[in-house]
Amino acid sequence: MIHRAWRFNCSLTRRGGLTWLLMAVLLSPAVAPARGDVNLELRSLAASCAACHGTDGHSAPNSSMPSLAHLPPAYFIARMRAFREDRTLASSVMAQIAKGYDDQQVEKLADFFANTP
């Protein structure tokens, strides 16, 4: 009986030690995001563009979809505003997508794609 109790206490200690180790690793500031200066929210916003415009804005070669990577921020912002406000573009899929972003998100996306390697 004493032997079983000792084994149980040791297993708790080992699990407790592993819990502390796991917490230390997860909370460590040394754990960096995939692209150092890009936060998760911005990566999520950019990921929503990937289905049509490719990963990180790089469209497939010979694709009819334009690449967003390396576009000047002013051009990107102007196009997104045009999709939101221009009635002649209202029937396009991009018009509906562009209405889902506020001005701050569009500016962040513009900077993200302009600086994508």
N, C-alpha and C. Protein backbone atom coordinates (compact mmCIF):
# COMPACT_ATOMS: atom_id res chain seq x y z
N MET A 1 0.81 -1.18 0.00
CA MET A 1 0.00 0.00 0.00
C MET A 1 0.87 1.27 0.00
N ILE A 2 1.89 1.27 0.82
CA ILE A 2 2.78 2.42 0.89
C ILE A 2 3.50 2.60 -0.44
N HIS A 3 3.90 1.48 -1.05
CA HIS A 3 4.60 1.54 -2.32
C HIS A 3 3.73 2.20 -3.39
N ARG A 4 2.45 1.85 -3.48
CA ARG A 4 1.54 2.45 -4.46
C ARG A 4 1.38 3.95 -4.21
N ALA A 5 1.24 4.36 -2.98
CA ALA A 5 1.10 5.78 -2.66
C ALA A 5 2.35 6.54 -3.08
N TRP A 6 3.51 5.97 -2.86
CA TRP A 6 4.75 6.62 -3.25
C TRP A 6 4.82 6.79 -4.77
N ARG A 7 4.43 5.73 -5.52
CA ARG A 7 4.43 5.81 -6.98
C ARG A 7 3.47 6.89 -7.46
N PHE A 8 2.30 6.98 -6.83
CA PHE A 8 1.31 7.99 -7.20
C PHE A 8 1.87 9.39 -6.97
N ASN A 9 2.50 9.62 -5.83
CA ASN A 9 3.07 10.93 -5.52
C ASN A 9 4.20 11.28 -6.48
N CYS A 10 5.01 10.29 -6.84
CA CYS A 10 6.09 10.54 -7.80
C CYS A 10 5.54 10.92 -9.16
N SER A 11 4.46 10.24 -9.58
CA SER A 11 3.90 10.57 -10.88
C SER A 11 3.31 11.98 -10.88
N LEU A 12 2.72 12.39 -9.77
CA LEU A 12 2.21 13.75 -9.68
C LEU A 12 3.35 14.76 -9.77
N THR A 13 4.45 14.44 -9.08
CA THR A 13 5.60 15.33 -9.10
C THR A 13 6.16 15.44 -10.52
N ARG A 14 6.26 14.31 -11.19
CA ARG A 14 6.76 14.34 -12.57
C ARG A 14 5.83 15.14 -13.47
N ARG A 15 4.53 14.90 -13.33
CA ARG A 15 3.57 15.65 -14.14
C ARG A 15 3.61 17.13 -13.78
N GLY A 16 3.72 17.43 -12.51
CA GLY A 16 3.80 18.83 -12.09
C GLY A 16 5.04 19.50 -12.68
N GLY A 17 6.14 18.77 -12.67
CA GLY A 17 7.37 19.31 -13.25
C GLY A 17 7.22 19.55 -14.73
N LEU A 18 6.57 18.63 -15.42
CA LEU A 18 6.34 18.80 -16.85
C LEU A 18 5.40 19.96 -17.12
N THR A 19 4.43 20.13 -16.26
CA THR A 19 3.51 21.25 -16.43
C THR A 19 4.26 22.58 -16.32
N TRP A 20 5.13 22.68 -15.31
CA TRP A 20 5.92 23.91 -15.15
C TRP A 20 6.84 24.14 -16.33
N LEU A 21 7.45 23.07 -16.82
CA LEU A 21 8.34 23.19 -17.98
C LEU A 21 7.55 23.66 -19.20
N LEU A 22 6.39 23.05 -19.43
CA LEU A 22 5.57 23.43 -20.57
C LEU A 22 5.13 24.89 -20.45
N MET A 23 4.71 25.29 -19.27
CA MET A 23 4.29 26.69 -19.08
C MET A 23 5.46 27.64 -19.31
N ALA A 24 6.63 27.27 -18.86
CA ALA A 24 7.80 28.14 -19.04
C ALA A 24 8.13 28.31 -20.52
N VAL A 25 8.02 27.23 -21.29
CA VAL A 25 8.31 27.30 -22.72
C VAL A 25 7.26 28.13 -23.44
N LEU A 26 5.99 27.89 -23.14
CA LEU A 26 4.92 28.62 -23.82
C LEU A 26 4.89 30.10 -23.48
N LEU A 27 5.26 30.44 -22.27
CA LEU A 27 5.23 31.84 -21.86
C LEU A 27 6.55 32.56 -22.07
N SER A 28 7.53 31.86 -22.58
CA SER A 28 8.84 32.44 -22.78
C SER A 28 8.81 33.49 -23.88
N PRO A 29 9.45 34.64 -23.67
CA PRO A 29 9.50 35.66 -24.72
C PRO A 29 10.39 35.25 -25.89
N ALA A 30 11.14 34.19 -25.73
CA ALA A 30 12.02 33.74 -26.81
C ALA A 30 11.23 33.08 -27.94
N VAL A 31 9.98 32.71 -27.70
CA VAL A 31 9.16 32.10 -28.74
C VAL A 31 8.69 33.23 -29.65
N ALA A 32 9.16 33.24 -30.89
CA ALA A 32 8.88 34.33 -31.81
C ALA A 32 7.87 33.89 -32.87
N PRO A 33 7.09 34.83 -33.41
CA PRO A 33 6.18 34.49 -34.49
C PRO A 33 6.94 34.14 -35.76
N ALA A 34 6.26 33.56 -36.73
CA ALA A 34 6.88 33.11 -37.96
C ALA A 34 7.60 34.25 -38.67
N ARG A 35 6.99 35.38 -38.78
CA ARG A 35 7.64 36.57 -39.33
C ARG A 35 7.67 37.58 -38.20
N GLY A 36 8.86 37.86 -37.68
CA GLY A 36 9.06 38.60 -36.46
C GLY A 36 8.16 39.79 -36.20
N ASP A 37 7.94 40.66 -37.17
CA ASP A 37 7.21 41.88 -36.91
C ASP A 37 5.72 41.79 -37.24
N VAL A 38 5.28 40.67 -37.71
CA VAL A 38 3.89 40.53 -38.14
C VAL A 38 3.09 39.80 -37.07
N ASN A 39 2.05 40.44 -36.57
CA ASN A 39 1.27 39.81 -35.53
C ASN A 39 0.23 38.85 -36.11
N LEU A 40 -0.36 38.07 -35.25
CA LEU A 40 -1.30 37.03 -35.66
C LEU A 40 -2.53 37.61 -36.35
N GLU A 41 -3.04 38.73 -35.85
CA GLU A 41 -4.22 39.34 -36.46
C GLU A 41 -3.95 39.72 -37.92
N LEU A 42 -2.81 40.32 -38.17
CA LEU A 42 -2.47 40.73 -39.52
C LEU A 42 -2.28 39.52 -40.43
N ARG A 43 -1.62 38.49 -39.92
CA ARG A 43 -1.44 37.26 -40.72
C ARG A 43 -2.80 36.64 -41.05
N SER A 44 -3.73 36.73 -40.12
CA SER A 44 -5.08 36.20 -40.36
C SER A 44 -5.80 37.01 -41.43
N LEU A 45 -5.66 38.32 -41.37
CA LEU A 45 -6.27 39.17 -42.41
C LEU A 45 -5.69 38.83 -43.78
N ALA A 46 -4.39 38.72 -43.85
CA ALA A 46 -3.72 38.42 -45.12
C ALA A 46 -4.06 37.02 -45.62
N ALA A 47 -4.27 36.10 -44.70
CA ALA A 47 -4.61 34.72 -45.10
C ALA A 47 -5.94 34.66 -45.82
N SER A 48 -6.84 35.57 -45.50
CA SER A 48 -8.14 35.56 -46.18
C SER A 48 -8.00 35.92 -47.66
N CYS A 49 -6.91 36.54 -48.04
CA CYS A 49 -6.67 36.89 -49.44
C CYS A 49 -6.02 35.74 -50.21
N ALA A 50 -5.46 34.79 -49.48
CA ALA A 50 -4.64 33.74 -50.09
C ALA A 50 -5.42 32.81 -51.02
N ALA A 51 -6.69 32.60 -50.76
CA ALA A 51 -7.47 31.68 -51.60
C ALA A 51 -7.44 32.10 -53.07
N CYS A 52 -7.50 33.39 -53.32
CA CYS A 52 -7.50 33.87 -54.70
C CYS A 52 -6.15 34.43 -55.15
N HIS A 53 -5.48 35.14 -54.24
CA HIS A 53 -4.26 35.86 -54.61
C HIS A 53 -2.97 35.14 -54.21
N GLY A 54 -3.08 33.94 -53.68
CA GLY A 54 -1.91 33.15 -53.33
C GLY A 54 -1.35 33.46 -51.96
N THR A 55 -0.53 32.54 -51.47
CA THR A 55 0.09 32.69 -50.17
C THR A 55 0.93 33.95 -50.13
N ASP A 56 0.71 34.77 -49.10
CA ASP A 56 1.41 36.04 -48.92
C ASP A 56 1.30 36.95 -50.15
N GLY A 57 0.20 36.80 -50.92
CA GLY A 57 -0.05 37.69 -52.04
C GLY A 57 0.66 37.34 -53.32
N HIS A 58 1.28 36.17 -53.39
CA HIS A 58 1.98 35.73 -54.60
C HIS A 58 1.06 34.81 -55.40
N SER A 59 0.44 35.35 -56.45
CA SER A 59 -0.44 34.54 -57.29
C SER A 59 0.37 33.50 -58.06
N ALA A 60 -0.32 32.46 -58.45
CA ALA A 60 0.33 31.41 -59.24
C ALA A 60 0.75 31.97 -60.59
N PRO A 61 1.85 31.46 -61.14
CA PRO A 61 2.27 31.91 -62.48
C PRO A 61 1.16 31.68 -63.50
N ASN A 62 0.99 32.59 -64.41
CA ASN A 62 -0.03 32.53 -65.46
C ASN A 62 -1.46 32.56 -64.92
N SER A 63 -1.64 33.04 -63.69
CA SER A 63 -2.96 33.16 -63.10
C SER A 63 -3.62 34.44 -63.55
N SER A 64 -4.94 34.43 -63.64
CA SER A 64 -5.66 35.65 -63.98
C SER A 64 -5.81 36.57 -62.77
N MET A 65 -5.50 36.04 -61.59
CA MET A 65 -5.56 36.84 -60.36
C MET A 65 -4.27 37.63 -60.21
N PRO A 66 -4.38 38.91 -59.93
CA PRO A 66 -3.14 39.70 -59.73
C PRO A 66 -2.47 39.36 -58.41
N SER A 67 -1.16 39.45 -58.41
CA SER A 67 -0.40 39.30 -57.17
C SER A 67 -0.57 40.58 -56.35
N LEU A 68 -0.67 40.40 -55.05
CA LEU A 68 -0.76 41.55 -54.16
C LEU A 68 0.61 41.91 -53.58
N ALA A 69 1.51 40.95 -53.61
CA ALA A 69 2.85 41.18 -53.06
C ALA A 69 3.54 42.28 -53.86
N HIS A 70 4.19 43.16 -53.14
CA HIS A 70 5.00 44.25 -53.69
C HIS A 70 4.19 45.39 -54.30
N LEU A 71 2.86 45.37 -54.14
CA LEU A 71 2.08 46.51 -54.64
C LEU A 71 2.36 47.73 -53.77
N PRO A 72 2.45 48.89 -54.36
CA PRO A 72 2.60 50.10 -53.55
C PRO A 72 1.38 50.26 -52.64
N PRO A 73 1.59 50.61 -51.39
CA PRO A 73 0.47 50.74 -50.45
C PRO A 73 -0.63 51.68 -50.95
N ALA A 74 -0.27 52.81 -51.55
CA ALA A 74 -1.28 53.77 -52.02
C ALA A 74 -2.17 53.14 -53.09
N TYR A 75 -1.58 52.34 -53.96
CA TYR A 75 -2.36 51.68 -55.01
C TYR A 75 -3.31 50.65 -54.40
N PHE A 76 -2.81 49.85 -53.48
CA PHE A 76 -3.64 48.83 -52.82
C PHE A 76 -4.83 49.50 -52.12
N ILE A 77 -4.56 50.56 -51.37
CA ILE A 77 -5.62 51.26 -50.63
C ILE A 77 -6.64 51.86 -51.61
N ALA A 78 -6.17 52.46 -52.68
CA ALA A 78 -7.08 53.06 -53.67
C ALA A 78 -7.97 51.99 -54.31
N ARG A 79 -7.41 50.84 -54.62
CA ARG A 79 -8.22 49.76 -55.22
C ARG A 79 -9.26 49.24 -54.25
N MET A 80 -8.87 49.07 -52.98
CA MET A 80 -9.84 48.59 -51.99
C MET A 80 -10.96 49.61 -51.79
N ARG A 81 -10.63 50.88 -51.79
CA ARG A 81 -11.66 51.93 -51.67
C ARG A 81 -12.58 51.91 -52.89
N ALA A 82 -11.99 51.73 -54.06
CA ALA A 82 -12.79 51.67 -55.28
C ALA A 82 -13.76 50.49 -55.23
N PHE A 83 -13.31 49.35 -54.76
CA PHE A 83 -14.20 48.20 -54.65
C PHE A 83 -15.34 48.48 -53.68
N ARG A 84 -15.05 49.21 -52.61
CA ARG A 84 -16.09 49.52 -51.62
C ARG A 84 -17.09 50.57 -52.10
N GLU A 85 -16.60 51.57 -52.86
CA GLU A 85 -17.41 52.75 -53.16
C GLU A 85 -17.93 52.85 -54.59
N ASP A 86 -17.28 52.21 -55.53
CA ASP A 86 -17.63 52.34 -56.95
C ASP A 86 -18.82 51.43 -57.27
N ARG A 87 -19.92 52.03 -57.69
CA ARG A 87 -21.12 51.25 -57.98
C ARG A 87 -20.95 50.33 -59.19
N THR A 88 -20.05 50.67 -60.09
CA THR A 88 -19.84 49.82 -61.26
C THR A 88 -19.13 48.52 -60.89
N LEU A 89 -18.44 48.52 -59.76
CA LEU A 89 -17.76 47.31 -59.30
C LEU A 89 -18.57 46.54 -58.25
N ALA A 90 -19.75 47.03 -57.94
CA ALA A 90 -20.57 46.47 -56.86
C ALA A 90 -20.92 45.00 -57.06
N SER A 91 -20.96 44.54 -58.29
CA SER A 91 -21.33 43.14 -58.52
C SER A 91 -20.14 42.19 -58.41
N SER A 92 -18.94 42.72 -58.24
CA SER A 92 -17.76 41.85 -58.16
C SER A 92 -17.64 41.23 -56.77
N VAL A 93 -16.98 40.11 -56.70
CA VAL A 93 -16.73 39.44 -55.42
C VAL A 93 -15.87 40.33 -54.54
N MET A 94 -14.91 41.01 -55.12
CA MET A 94 -14.02 41.88 -54.34
C MET A 94 -14.78 43.02 -53.69
N ALA A 95 -15.86 43.49 -54.29
CA ALA A 95 -16.64 44.56 -53.66
C ALA A 95 -17.20 44.08 -52.33
N GLN A 96 -17.69 42.86 -52.30
CA GLN A 96 -18.23 42.31 -51.06
C GLN A 96 -17.11 42.06 -50.04
N ILE A 97 -15.98 41.57 -50.50
CA ILE A 97 -14.86 41.31 -49.60
C ILE A 97 -14.30 42.61 -49.03
N ALA A 98 -14.13 43.61 -49.88
CA ALA A 98 -13.56 44.89 -49.44
C ALA A 98 -14.43 45.57 -48.39
N LYS A 99 -15.73 45.37 -48.46
CA LYS A 99 -16.63 45.98 -47.47
C LYS A 99 -16.45 45.36 -46.09
N GLY A 100 -15.79 44.23 -46.02
CA GLY A 100 -15.56 43.57 -44.73
C GLY A 100 -14.37 44.11 -43.96
N TYR A 101 -13.60 45.01 -44.58
CA TYR A 101 -12.42 45.57 -43.92
C TYR A 101 -12.64 47.04 -43.61
N ASP A 102 -12.17 47.48 -42.44
CA ASP A 102 -12.21 48.91 -42.14
C ASP A 102 -10.94 49.56 -42.68
N ASP A 103 -10.87 50.88 -42.64
CA ASP A 103 -9.73 51.61 -43.21
C ASP A 103 -8.40 51.20 -42.58
N GLN A 104 -8.40 51.01 -41.27
CA GLN A 104 -7.15 50.62 -40.58
C GLN A 104 -6.68 49.24 -41.05
N GLN A 105 -7.59 48.31 -41.22
CA GLN A 105 -7.21 46.98 -41.68
C GLN A 105 -6.67 47.04 -43.11
N VAL A 106 -7.29 47.84 -43.95
CA VAL A 106 -6.82 47.99 -45.34
C VAL A 106 -5.40 48.57 -45.35
N GLU A 107 -5.14 49.55 -44.51
CA GLU A 107 -3.80 50.13 -44.45
C GLU A 107 -2.77 49.11 -43.96
N LYS A 108 -3.14 48.31 -42.97
CA LYS A 108 -2.24 47.27 -42.49
C LYS A 108 -1.96 46.23 -43.58
N LEU A 109 -3.00 45.85 -44.29
CA LEU A 109 -2.81 44.89 -45.39
C LEU A 109 -1.93 45.47 -46.49
N ALA A 110 -2.14 46.75 -46.79
CA ALA A 110 -1.33 47.41 -47.82
C ALA A 110 0.14 47.37 -47.45
N ASP A 111 0.46 47.68 -46.21
CA ASP A 111 1.85 47.64 -45.74
C ASP A 111 2.39 46.20 -45.74
N PHE A 112 1.55 45.27 -45.31
CA PHE A 112 1.96 43.87 -45.29
C PHE A 112 2.35 43.38 -46.67
N PHE A 113 1.46 43.60 -47.65
CA PHE A 113 1.75 43.11 -49.00
C PHE A 113 2.88 43.88 -49.66
N ALA A 114 3.02 45.16 -49.38
CA ALA A 114 4.12 45.94 -49.96
C ALA A 114 5.47 45.43 -49.48
N ASN A 115 5.51 44.92 -48.26
CA ASN A 115 6.78 44.47 -47.68
C ASN A 115 6.95 42.96 -47.66
N THR A 116 6.10 42.25 -48.40
CA THR A 116 6.22 40.80 -48.47
C THR A 116 7.40 40.42 -49.35
N PRO A 117 8.26 39.54 -48.83
CA PRO A 117 9.42 39.13 -49.64
C PRO A 117 9.01 38.29 -50.85
